[in-house]
Amino acid sequence: MNTASLLAALAGVLYVAAGATLARAFFVNRARLRLAGILLAILALVAHTAFAWLKIGSDLGWDVNFINILSLAGLMVALVLLLTGIGARALEAGVLVFPGVAMLVWLQWLSAPAPMFLGDMPAMLQFHILTALLAFSLLTMAAVNAVLLWIQDYLLRTPRPITQLELLPPLIVLEQLMFRLILAGWLLLTLALGAGLTFVYDLLSQHLMHKTVLSVISWLLFGGLLGARWWLGWRGRRAINWTLLAMVFLVLAYFGSRFVLELLLDRTWSRMTMAATGLV
């Protein structure tokens, strides 16, 4: 087994262990277990980063095929969770996030899709890909926070006392964190969409219609939610539902279209974008 395989296997195991440890800490209410879960997650991130560097990096530039981008998005989501969750006491989301990222690491390890090198693409297209990836990561964490808000709201409505509620951050803290993540992600999504428009000349012939329409719908929903929060004071279940709905459209836009084009129809995204910019 080579170095990359060892790192992938190790990262996946550490992610699963981190999620299981945080779940155990949540139910038995032990700070030491929570700290152990954080340490396991940090080690998993280190191993995942090293594996991604070996898998994605090359002399020709970054290989941004569908599977690699999916794993890199998982890495960034896990990183955002650690950076935001420790201070806001919202790391319980790792119970769901970390095992999911482990699956993405193992998928990247075991699959071998056709490469698509970032170095072959124009600078504006590279900027579009990177800002879109950052936006997706931040908005994914906002959606995870929305799920936590929904769970906590449900538990608060339960007539019997639940001691685990003491481990969760106050509703107002989670809600503020969710809207901060949405604002940052929406601004990056705005930049990504603006950069993407510079290399689009025919949505139909470039097979970008579905991706563009779904992305714009998600952008409008997130933007509308921010506006309603600012002017109308939206919060609670209405804000949760809008966040999750907008995230569904974003997931379909980011990965649904690329999955169909690259894996089902065998049309690589790099060939289409290179043709769109006149480089092939």
C-alpha atoms as a PDB file:
ATOM      1  CA  MET A   1       0.000   0.000   0.000  1.00  0.00           C
ATOM      2  CA  ASN A   2       1.480   3.364  -1.065  1.00  0.00           C
ATOM      3  CA  THR A   3       1.561   6.614   0.914  1.00  0.00           C
ATOM      4  CA  ALA A   4      -1.597   8.054  -0.643  1.00  0.00           C
ATOM      5  CA  SER A   5      -3.578   4.900   0.137  1.00  0.00           C
ATOM      6  CA  LEU A   6      -2.368   4.852   3.724  1.00  0.00           C
ATOM      7  CA  LEU A   7      -3.334   8.507   4.192  1.00  0.00           C
ATOM      8  CA  ALA A   8      -6.797   7.948   2.673  1.00  0.00           C
ATOM      9  CA  ALA A   9      -7.487   4.906   4.824  1.00  0.00           C
ATOM     10  CA  LEU A  10      -6.222   6.683   7.940  1.00  0.00           C
ATOM     11  CA  ALA A  11      -8.214   9.874   7.256  1.00  0.00           C
ATOM     12  CA  GLY A  12     -11.433   7.915   6.789  1.00  0.00           C
ATOM     13  CA  VAL A  13     -10.973   5.903   9.970  1.00  0.00           C
ATOM     14  CA  LEU A  14     -10.138   9.042  11.963  1.00  0.00           C
ATOM     15  CA  TYR A  15     -13.199  10.878  10.619  1.00  0.00           C
ATOM     16  CA  VAL A  16     -15.478   7.980  11.583  1.00  0.00           C
ATOM     17  CA  ALA A  17     -13.840   7.743  15.010  1.00  0.00           C
ATOM     18  CA  ALA A  18     -14.269  11.505  15.516  1.00  0.00           C
ATOM     19  CA  GLY A  19     -17.954  11.341  14.656  1.00  0.00           C
ATOM     20  CA  ALA A  20     -18.534   8.337  16.921  1.00  0.00           C
ATOM     21  CA  THR A  21     -16.636   9.969  19.797  1.00  0.00           C
ATOM     22  CA  LEU A  22     -18.608  13.202  19.509  1.00  0.00           C
ATOM     23  CA  ALA A  23     -21.845  11.203  19.431  1.00  0.00           C
ATOM     24  CA  ARG A  24     -20.816   9.354  22.577  1.00  0.00           C
ATOM     25  CA  ALA A  25     -19.831  12.619  24.262  1.00  0.00           C
ATOM     26  CA  PHE A  26     -23.221  14.113  23.408  1.00  0.00           C
ATOM     27  CA  PHE A  27     -25.188  11.296  25.019  1.00  0.00           C
ATOM     28  CA  VAL A  28     -23.063  10.822  28.159  1.00  0.00           C
ATOM     29  CA  ASN A  29     -22.228  14.520  28.620  1.00  0.00           C
ATOM     30  CA  ARG A  30     -18.449  14.221  29.058  1.00  0.00           C
ATOM     31  CA  ALA A  31     -16.090  17.055  28.148  1.00  0.00           C
ATOM     32  CA  ARG A  32     -13.078  14.729  27.811  1.00  0.00           C
ATOM     33  CA  LEU A  33     -14.793  12.693  25.110  1.00  0.00           C
ATOM     34  CA  ARG A  34     -15.660  15.878  23.246  1.00  0.00           C
ATOM     35  CA  LEU A  35     -12.014  16.973  23.392  1.00  0.00           C
ATOM     36  CA  ALA A  36     -10.947  13.551  22.111  1.00  0.00           C
ATOM     37  CA  GLY A  37     -13.390  13.920  19.227  1.00  0.00           C
ATOM     38  CA  ILE A  38     -11.893  17.309  18.354  1.00  0.00           C
ATOM     39  CA  LEU A  39      -8.358  15.903  18.371  1.00  0.00           C
ATOM     40  CA  LEU A  40      -9.389  12.964  16.180  1.00  0.00           C
ATOM     41  CA  ALA A  41     -11.044  15.372  13.740  1.00  0.00           C
ATOM     42  CA  ILE A  42      -7.887  17.520  13.568  1.00  0.00           C
ATOM     43  CA  LEU A  43      -5.758  14.450  12.826  1.00  0.00           C
ATOM     44  CA  ALA A  44      -8.271  13.392  10.175  1.00  0.00           C
ATOM     45  CA  LEU A  45      -8.049  16.826   8.556  1.00  0.00           C
ATOM     46  CA  VAL A  46      -4.256  16.627   8.456  1.00  0.00           C
ATOM     47  CA  ALA A  47      -4.325  13.182   6.843  1.00  0.00           C
ATOM     48  CA  HIS A  48      -7.083  14.246   4.415  1.00  0.00           C
ATOM     49  CA  THR A  49      -5.154  17.378   3.410  1.00  0.00           C
ATOM     50  CA  ALA A  50      -1.989  15.376   2.754  1.00  0.00           C
ATOM     51  CA  PHE A  51      -3.919  12.818   0.701  1.00  0.00           C
ATOM     52  CA  ALA A  52      -5.726  15.514  -1.288  1.00  0.00           C
ATOM     53  CA  TRP A  53      -2.413  17.207  -2.035  1.00  0.00           C
ATOM     54  CA  LEU A  54      -0.985  13.966  -3.430  1.00  0.00           C
ATOM     55  CA  LYS A  55      -4.161  13.105  -5.336  1.00  0.00           C
ATOM     56  CA  ILE A  56      -5.088  16.517  -6.764  1.00  0.00           C
ATOM     57  CA  GLY A  57      -1.744  18.271  -7.210  1.00  0.00           C
ATOM     58  CA  SER A  58       0.424  17.670 -10.278  1.00  0.00           C
ATOM     59  CA  ASP A  59       2.887  19.432 -12.562  1.00  0.00           C
ATOM     60  CA  LEU A  60      -0.026  20.266 -14.868  1.00  0.00           C
ATOM     61  CA  GLY A  61      -2.027  21.954 -12.107  1.00  0.00           C
ATOM     62  CA  TRP A  62      -4.877  20.815  -9.890  1.00  0.00           C
ATOM     63  CA  ASP A  63      -6.919  17.871 -11.109  1.00  0.00           C
ATOM     64  CA  VAL A  64     -10.478  19.138 -10.599  1.00  0.00           C
ATOM     65  CA  ASN A  65     -12.479  16.149 -11.782  1.00  0.00           C
ATOM     66  CA  PHE A  66     -15.861  15.504 -10.169  1.00  0.00           C
ATOM     67  CA  ILE A  67     -14.619  13.075  -7.493  1.00  0.00           C
ATOM     68  CA  ASN A  68     -11.663  15.234  -6.455  1.00  0.00           C
ATOM     69  CA  ILE A  69     -13.839  18.339  -6.156  1.00  0.00           C
ATOM     70  CA  LEU A  70     -16.351  16.377  -4.090  1.00  0.00           C
ATOM     71  CA  SER A  71     -13.619  15.266  -1.669  1.00  0.00           C
ATOM     72  CA  LEU A  72     -12.088  18.763  -1.531  1.00  0.00           C
ATOM     73  CA  ALA A  73     -15.508  20.219  -0.719  1.00  0.00           C
ATOM     74  CA  GLY A  74     -15.816  17.691   2.113  1.00  0.00           C
ATOM     75  CA  LEU A  75     -12.403  18.724   3.420  1.00  0.00           C
ATOM     76  CA  MET A  76     -13.392  22.390   3.460  1.00  0.00           C
ATOM     77  CA  VAL A  77     -16.732  21.631   5.122  1.00  0.00           C
ATOM     78  CA  ALA A  78     -14.939  19.707   7.885  1.00  0.00           C
ATOM     79  CA  LEU A  79     -12.465  22.575   8.301  1.00  0.00           C
ATOM     80  CA  VAL A  80     -15.229  25.193   8.499  1.00  0.00           C
ATOM     81  CA  LEU A  81     -17.044  23.032  11.046  1.00  0.00           C
ATOM     82  CA  LEU A  82     -13.989  22.893  13.299  1.00  0.00           C
ATOM     83  CA  LEU A  83     -13.237  26.608  12.975  1.00  0.00           C
ATOM     84  CA  THR A  84     -16.804  27.704  13.692  1.00  0.00           C
ATOM     85  CA  GLY A  85     -17.994  24.870  15.898  1.00  0.00           C
ATOM     86  CA  ILE A  86     -15.457  25.019  18.704  1.00  0.00           C
ATOM     87  CA  GLY A  87     -16.168  28.625  19.622  1.00  0.00           C
ATOM     88  CA  ALA A  88     -19.924  28.328  19.175  1.00  0.00           C
ATOM     89  CA  ARG A  89     -20.179  24.896  20.815  1.00  0.00           C
ATOM     90  CA  ALA A  90     -21.733  23.518  17.631  1.00  0.00           C
ATOM     91  CA  LEU A  91     -19.380  20.612  17.011  1.00  0.00           C
ATOM     92  CA  GLU A  92     -22.200  18.115  17.483  1.00  0.00           C
ATOM     93  CA  ALA A  93     -22.796  18.564  13.754  1.00  0.00           C
ATOM     94  CA  GLY A  94     -19.643  16.498  13.313  1.00  0.00           C
ATOM     95  CA  VAL A  95     -21.686  13.428  14.239  1.00  0.00           C
ATOM     96  CA  LEU A  96     -23.197  13.718  10.736  1.00  0.00           C
ATOM     97  CA  VAL A  97     -20.484  15.606   8.865  1.00  0.00           C
ATOM     98  CA  PHE A  98     -17.337  13.622   9.711  1.00  0.00           C
ATOM     99  CA  PRO A  99     -18.575  10.139   8.682  1.00  0.00           C
ATOM    100  CA  GLY A 100     -19.915  11.710   5.472  1.00  0.00           C
ATOM    101  CA  VAL A 101     -16.505  13.222   4.701  1.00  0.00           C
ATOM    102  CA  ALA A 102     -14.920   9.824   5.384  1.00  0.00           C
ATOM    103  CA  MET A 103     -17.080   8.343   2.617  1.00  0.00           C
ATOM    104  CA  LEU A 104     -15.884  11.059   0.229  1.00  0.00           C
ATOM    105  CA  VAL A 105     -12.218  10.376   1.066  1.00  0.00           C
ATOM    106  CA  TRP A 106     -12.638   6.661   0.442  1.00  0.00           C
ATOM    107  CA  LEU A 107     -14.521   7.358  -2.803  1.00  0.00           C
ATOM    108  CA  GLN A 108     -11.648   9.536  -3.990  1.00  0.00           C
ATOM    109  CA  TRP A 109      -9.165   6.828  -2.995  1.00  0.00           C
ATOM    110  CA  LEU A 110     -10.937   3.943  -4.729  1.00  0.00           C
ATOM    111  CA  SER A 111     -12.093   5.694  -7.918  1.00  0.00           C
ATOM    112  CA  ALA A 112     -10.061   6.749 -10.952  1.00  0.00           C
ATOM    113  CA  PRO A 113     -11.998   9.292 -13.066  1.00  0.00           C
ATOM    114  CA  ALA A 114     -10.508  11.039 -16.093  1.00  0.00           C
ATOM    115  CA  PRO A 115      -8.288  13.978 -15.032  1.00  0.00           C
ATOM    116  CA  MET A 116      -9.210  17.627 -15.653  1.00  0.00           C
ATOM    117  CA  PHE A 117      -6.328  19.936 -14.903  1.00  0.00           C
ATOM    118  CA  LEU A 118      -6.974  23.408 -13.532  1.00  0.00           C
ATOM    119  CA  GLY A 119      -3.734  24.682 -15.066  1.00  0.00           C
ATOM    120  CA  ASP A 120      -5.211  24.238 -18.545  1.00  0.00           C
ATOM    121  CA  MET A 121      -8.055  26.669 -17.779  1.00  0.00           C
ATOM    122  CA  PRO A 122      -8.175  30.474 -17.970  1.00  0.00           C
ATOM    123  CA  ALA A 123      -7.507  32.454 -14.795  1.00  0.00           C
ATOM    124  CA  MET A 124     -11.119  33.654 -14.529  1.00  0.00           C
ATOM    125  CA  LEU A 125     -12.366  30.067 -14.752  1.00  0.00           C
ATOM    126  CA  GLN A 126      -9.950  29.038 -11.995  1.00  0.00           C
ATOM    127  CA  PHE A 127     -11.254  31.906  -9.861  1.00  0.00           C
ATOM    128  CA  HIS A 128     -14.821  30.750 -10.554  1.00  0.00           C
ATOM    129  CA  ILE A 129     -14.067  27.194  -9.421  1.00  0.00           C
ATOM    130  CA  LEU A 130     -12.273  28.217  -6.219  1.00  0.00           C
ATOM    131  CA  THR A 131     -14.855  30.805  -5.119  1.00  0.00           C
ATOM    132  CA  ALA A 132     -17.678  28.393  -5.925  1.00  0.00           C
ATOM    133  CA  LEU A 133     -16.011  25.722  -3.800  1.00  0.00           C
ATOM    134  CA  LEU A 134     -15.587  28.109  -0.874  1.00  0.00           C
ATOM    135  CA  ALA A 135     -19.188  29.297  -1.195  1.00  0.00           C
ATOM    136  CA  PHE A 136     -20.472  25.726  -1.252  1.00  0.00           C
ATOM    137  CA  SER A 137     -18.478  24.853   1.879  1.00  0.00           C
ATOM    138  CA  LEU A 138     -19.763  27.838   3.874  1.00  0.00           C
ATOM    139  CA  LEU A 139     -23.373  27.370   2.763  1.00  0.00           C
ATOM    140  CA  THR A 140     -23.185  23.646   3.529  1.00  0.00           C
ATOM    141  CA  MET A 141     -22.224  24.469   7.104  1.00  0.00           C
ATOM    142  CA  ALA A 142     -25.086  26.958   7.232  1.00  0.00           C
ATOM    143  CA  ALA A 143     -27.428  24.141   6.177  1.00  0.00           C
ATOM    144  CA  VAL A 144     -25.955  21.834   8.834  1.00  0.00           C
ATOM    145  CA  ASN A 145     -26.553  24.581  11.394  1.00  0.00           C
ATOM    146  CA  ALA A 146     -30.136  24.798  10.145  1.00  0.00           C
ATOM    147  CA  VAL A 147     -30.555  21.069  10.807  1.00  0.00           C
ATOM    148  CA  LEU A 148     -29.173  21.543  14.321  1.00  0.00           C
ATOM    149  CA  LEU A 149     -31.605  24.422  14.864  1.00  0.00           C
ATOM    150  CA  TRP A 150     -34.500  22.234  13.721  1.00  0.00           C
ATOM    151  CA  ILE A 151     -33.421  19.424  16.079  1.00  0.00           C
ATOM    152  CA  GLN A 152     -33.012  21.773  19.023  1.00  0.00           C
ATOM    153  CA  ASP A 153     -36.359  23.415  18.321  1.00  0.00           C
ATOM    154  CA  TYR A 154     -37.970  19.967  18.227  1.00  0.00           C
ATOM    155  CA  LEU A 155     -36.323  18.940  21.501  1.00  0.00           C
ATOM    156  CA  LEU A 156     -37.441  22.141  23.206  1.00  0.00           C
ATOM    157  CA  ARG A 157     -41.022  21.339  22.247  1.00  0.00           C
ATOM    158  CA  THR A 158     -40.727  17.854  23.795  1.00  0.00           C
ATOM    159  CA  PRO A 159     -42.503  17.731  27.167  1.00  0.00           C
ATOM    160  CA  ARG A 160     -39.908  15.549  28.896  1.00  0.00           C
ATOM    161  CA  PRO A 161     -36.567  17.066  30.021  1.00  0.00           C
ATOM    162  CA  ILE A 162     -33.573  16.234  27.823  1.00  0.00           C
ATOM    163  CA  THR A 163     -30.152  16.692  29.424  1.00  0.00           C
ATOM    164  CA  GLN A 164     -28.380  16.771  26.027  1.00  0.00           C
ATOM    165  CA  LEU A 165     -29.877  20.204  25.401  1.00  0.00           C
ATOM    166  CA  GLU A 166     -27.347  21.560  27.882  1.00  0.00           C
ATOM    167  CA  LEU A 167     -24.546  20.586  25.493  1.00  0.00           C
ATOM    168  CA  LEU A 168     -26.036  22.427  22.548  1.00  0.00           C
ATOM    169  CA  PRO A 169     -25.431  26.155  22.115  1.00  0.00           C
ATOM    170  CA  PRO A 170     -28.369  28.513  22.700  1.00  0.00           C
ATOM    171  CA  LEU A 171     -30.741  28.861  19.767  1.00  0.00           C
ATOM    172  CA  ILE A 172     -29.774  32.493  19.256  1.00  0.00           C
ATOM    173  CA  VAL A 173     -26.068  31.567  18.977  1.00  0.00           C
ATOM    174  CA  LEU A 174     -26.727  28.877  16.371  1.00  0.00           C
ATOM    175  CA  GLU A 175     -29.017  31.196  14.471  1.00  0.00           C
ATOM    176  CA  GLN A 176     -26.494  34.039  14.403  1.00  0.00           C
ATOM    177  CA  LEU A 177     -23.783  31.637  13.228  1.00  0.00           C
ATOM    178  CA  MET A 178     -26.068  30.302  10.503  1.00  0.00           C
ATOM    179  CA  PHE A 179     -26.786  33.770   9.108  1.00  0.00           C
ATOM    180  CA  ARG A 180     -23.112  34.766   9.237  1.00  0.00           C
ATOM    181  CA  LEU A 181     -22.230  31.661   7.240  1.00  0.00           C
ATOM    182  CA  ILE A 182     -25.044  32.382   4.785  1.00  0.00           C
ATOM    183  CA  LEU A 183     -23.877  35.983   4.302  1.00  0.00           C
ATOM    184  CA  ALA A 184     -20.243  34.963   3.691  1.00  0.00           C
ATOM    185  CA  GLY A 185     -21.274  32.087   1.412  1.00  0.00           C
ATOM    186  CA  TRP A 186     -23.746  34.254  -0.522  1.00  0.00           C
ATOM    187  CA  LEU A 187     -21.106  36.920  -1.186  1.00  0.00           C
ATOM    188  CA  LEU A 188     -18.685  34.271  -2.472  1.00  0.00           C
ATOM    189  CA  LEU A 189     -21.458  32.717  -4.543  1.00  0.00           C
ATOM    190  CA  THR A 190     -22.086  36.150  -6.072  1.00  0.00           C
ATOM    191  CA  LEU A 191     -18.421  36.366  -7.077  1.00  0.00           C
ATOM    192  CA  ALA A 192     -18.500  32.814  -8.446  1.00  0.00           C
ATOM    193  CA  LEU A 193     -21.569  33.491 -10.571  1.00  0.00           C
ATOM    194  CA  GLY A 194     -20.122  36.770 -11.843  1.00  0.00           C
ATOM    195  CA  ALA A 195     -16.852  35.077 -12.813  1.00  0.00           C
ATOM    196  CA  GLY A 196     -18.708  32.203 -14.426  1.00  0.00           C
ATOM    197  CA  LEU A 197     -20.681  34.515 -16.698  1.00  0.00           C
ATOM    198  CA  THR A 198     -17.472  35.705 -18.359  1.00  0.00           C
ATOM    199  CA  PHE A 199     -16.965  32.410 -20.202  1.00  0.00           C
ATOM    200  CA  VAL A 200     -20.607  31.668 -21.029  1.00  0.00           C
ATOM    201  CA  TYR A 201     -21.856  32.494 -24.523  1.00  0.00           C
ATOM    202  CA  ASP A 202     -24.536  29.838 -25.153  1.00  0.00           C
ATOM    203  CA  LEU A 203     -26.059  28.046 -22.166  1.00  0.00           C
ATOM    204  CA  LEU A 204     -27.631  25.313 -24.278  1.00  0.00           C
ATOM    205  CA  SER A 205     -24.663  24.381 -26.464  1.00  0.00           C
ATOM    206  CA  GLN A 206     -22.307  24.494 -23.480  1.00  0.00           C
ATOM    207  CA  HIS A 207     -24.649  22.277 -21.425  1.00  0.00           C
ATOM    208  CA  LEU A 208     -24.725  24.883 -18.652  1.00  0.00           C
ATOM    209  CA  MET A 209     -28.432  25.707 -18.613  1.00  0.00           C
ATOM    210  CA  HIS A 210     -29.426  23.503 -15.676  1.00  0.00           C
ATOM    211  CA  LYS A 211     -26.379  24.415 -13.608  1.00  0.00           C
ATOM    212  CA  THR A 212     -26.829  28.147 -14.198  1.00  0.00           C
ATOM    213  CA  VAL A 213     -30.582  28.181 -13.550  1.00  0.00           C
ATOM    214  CA  LEU A 214     -30.285  26.125 -10.357  1.00  0.00           C
ATOM    215  CA  SER A 215     -27.369  28.245  -9.104  1.00  0.00           C
ATOM    216  CA  VAL A 216     -29.281  31.479  -9.711  1.00  0.00           C
ATOM    217  CA  ILE A 217     -32.368  30.087  -7.944  1.00  0.00           C
ATOM    218  CA  SER A 218     -30.218  29.170  -4.938  1.00  0.00           C
ATOM    219  CA  TRP A 219     -28.550  32.606  -5.023  1.00  0.00           C
ATOM    220  CA  LEU A 220     -31.952  34.312  -5.089  1.00  0.00           C
ATOM    221  CA  LEU A 221     -33.268  32.184  -2.209  1.00  0.00           C
ATOM    222  CA  PHE A 222     -30.242  32.834  -0.002  1.00  0.00           C
ATOM    223  CA  GLY A 223     -30.286  36.525  -0.896  1.00  0.00           C
ATOM    224  CA  GLY A 224     -34.015  36.737  -0.244  1.00  0.00           C
ATOM    225  CA  LEU A 225     -33.547  35.083   3.127  1.00  0.00           C
ATOM    226  CA  LEU A 226     -30.837  37.585   4.087  1.00  0.00           C
ATOM    227  CA  GLY A 227     -33.093  40.458   3.014  1.00  0.00           C
ATOM    228  CA  ALA A 228     -36.074  39.053   4.922  1.00  0.00           C
ATOM    229  CA  ARG A 229     -33.870  38.602   7.991  1.00  0.00           C
ATOM    230  CA  TRP A 230     -32.685  42.228   7.761  1.00  0.00           C
ATOM    231  CA  TRP A 231     -36.008  43.944   7.014  1.00  0.00           C
ATOM    232  CA  LEU A 232     -38.637  41.524   8.309  1.00  0.00           C
ATOM    233  CA  GLY A 233     -36.767  39.816  11.147  1.00  0.00           C
ATOM    234  CA  TRP A 234     -37.210  36.277   9.812  1.00  0.00           C
ATOM    235  CA  ARG A 235     -36.007  33.536  12.134  1.00  0.00           C
ATOM    236  CA  GLY A 236     -36.977  30.129  13.464  1.00  0.00           C
ATOM    237  CA  ARG A 237     -38.536  27.465  11.265  1.00  0.00           C
ATOM    238  CA  ARG A 238     -39.178  29.805   8.342  1.00  0.00           C
ATOM    239  CA  ALA A 239     -35.479  30.662   8.119  1.00  0.00           C
ATOM    240  CA  ILE A 240     -34.539  26.985   8.546  1.00  0.00           C
ATOM    241  CA  ASN A 241     -36.846  25.885   5.729  1.00  0.00           C
ATOM    242  CA  TRP A 242     -35.564  28.570   3.351  1.00  0.00           C
ATOM    243  CA  THR A 243     -31.946  27.663   4.115  1.00  0.00           C
ATOM    244  CA  LEU A 244     -32.480  23.962   3.448  1.00  0.00           C
ATOM    245  CA  LEU A 245     -34.488  24.640   0.280  1.00  0.00           C
ATOM    246  CA  ALA A 246     -31.795  26.953  -1.091  1.00  0.00           C
ATOM    247  CA  MET A 247     -29.145  24.349  -0.263  1.00  0.00           C
ATOM    248  CA  VAL A 248     -31.012  21.657  -2.183  1.00  0.00           C
ATOM    249  CA  PHE A 249     -30.900  23.796  -5.327  1.00  0.00           C
ATOM    250  CA  LEU A 250     -27.200  24.532  -4.764  1.00  0.00           C
ATOM    251  CA  VAL A 251     -26.293  20.851  -4.375  1.00  0.00           C
ATOM    252  CA  LEU A 252     -28.189  20.035  -7.565  1.00  0.00           C
ATOM    253  CA  ALA A 253     -26.434  22.880  -9.373  1.00  0.00           C
ATOM    254  CA  TYR A 254     -22.912  22.065  -8.167  1.00  0.00           C
ATOM    255  CA  PHE A 255     -22.855  18.298  -8.265  1.00  0.00           C
ATOM    256  CA  GLY A 256     -26.012  17.116  -9.996  1.00  0.00           C
ATOM    257  CA  SER A 257     -25.087  18.585 -13.378  1.00  0.00           C
ATOM    258  CA  ARG A 258     -21.426  17.545 -13.159  1.00  0.00           C
ATOM    259  CA  PHE A 259     -22.368  14.021 -12.105  1.00  0.00           C
ATOM    260  CA  VAL A 260     -24.643  13.612 -15.117  1.00  0.00           C
ATOM    261  CA  LEU A 261     -22.223  15.155 -17.599  1.00  0.00           C
ATOM    262  CA  GLU A 262     -18.988  13.555 -16.387  1.00  0.00           C
ATOM    263  CA  LEU A 263     -20.045  10.156 -15.120  1.00  0.00           C
ATOM    264  CA  LEU A 264     -23.340   9.332 -16.825  1.00  0.00           C
ATOM    265  CA  LEU A 265     -22.992  11.020 -20.220  1.00  0.00           C
ATOM    266  CA  ASP A 266     -19.181  10.822 -20.345  1.00  0.00           C
ATOM    267  CA  ARG A 267     -18.809  14.490 -21.259  1.00  0.00           C
ATOM    268  CA  THR A 268     -15.999  16.017 -19.245  1.00  0.00           C
ATOM    269  CA  TRP A 269     -16.635  19.484 -17.920  1.00  0.00           C
ATOM    270  CA  SER A 270     -13.132  20.643 -18.813  1.00  0.00           C
ATOM    271  CA  ARG A 271     -13.635  19.844 -22.505  1.00  0.00           C
ATOM    272  CA  MET A 272     -16.827  21.865 -22.622  1.00  0.00           C
ATOM    273  CA  THR A 273     -15.357  24.874 -20.851  1.00  0.00           C
ATOM    274  CA  MET A 274     -12.184  24.729 -22.920  1.00  0.00           C
ATOM    275  CA  ALA A 275     -14.291  24.665 -26.083  1.00  0.00           C
ATOM    276  CA  ALA A 276     -16.363  27.533 -24.716  1.00  0.00           C
ATOM    277  CA  THR A 277     -13.277  29.682 -24.313  1.00  0.00           C
ATOM    278  CA  GLY A 278     -11.859  28.792 -27.739  1.00  0.00           C
ATOM    279  CA  LEU A 279      -8.852  26.871 -26.427  1.00  0.00           C
ATOM    280  CA  VAL A 280      -9.699  23.628 -28.265  1.00  0.00           C
END
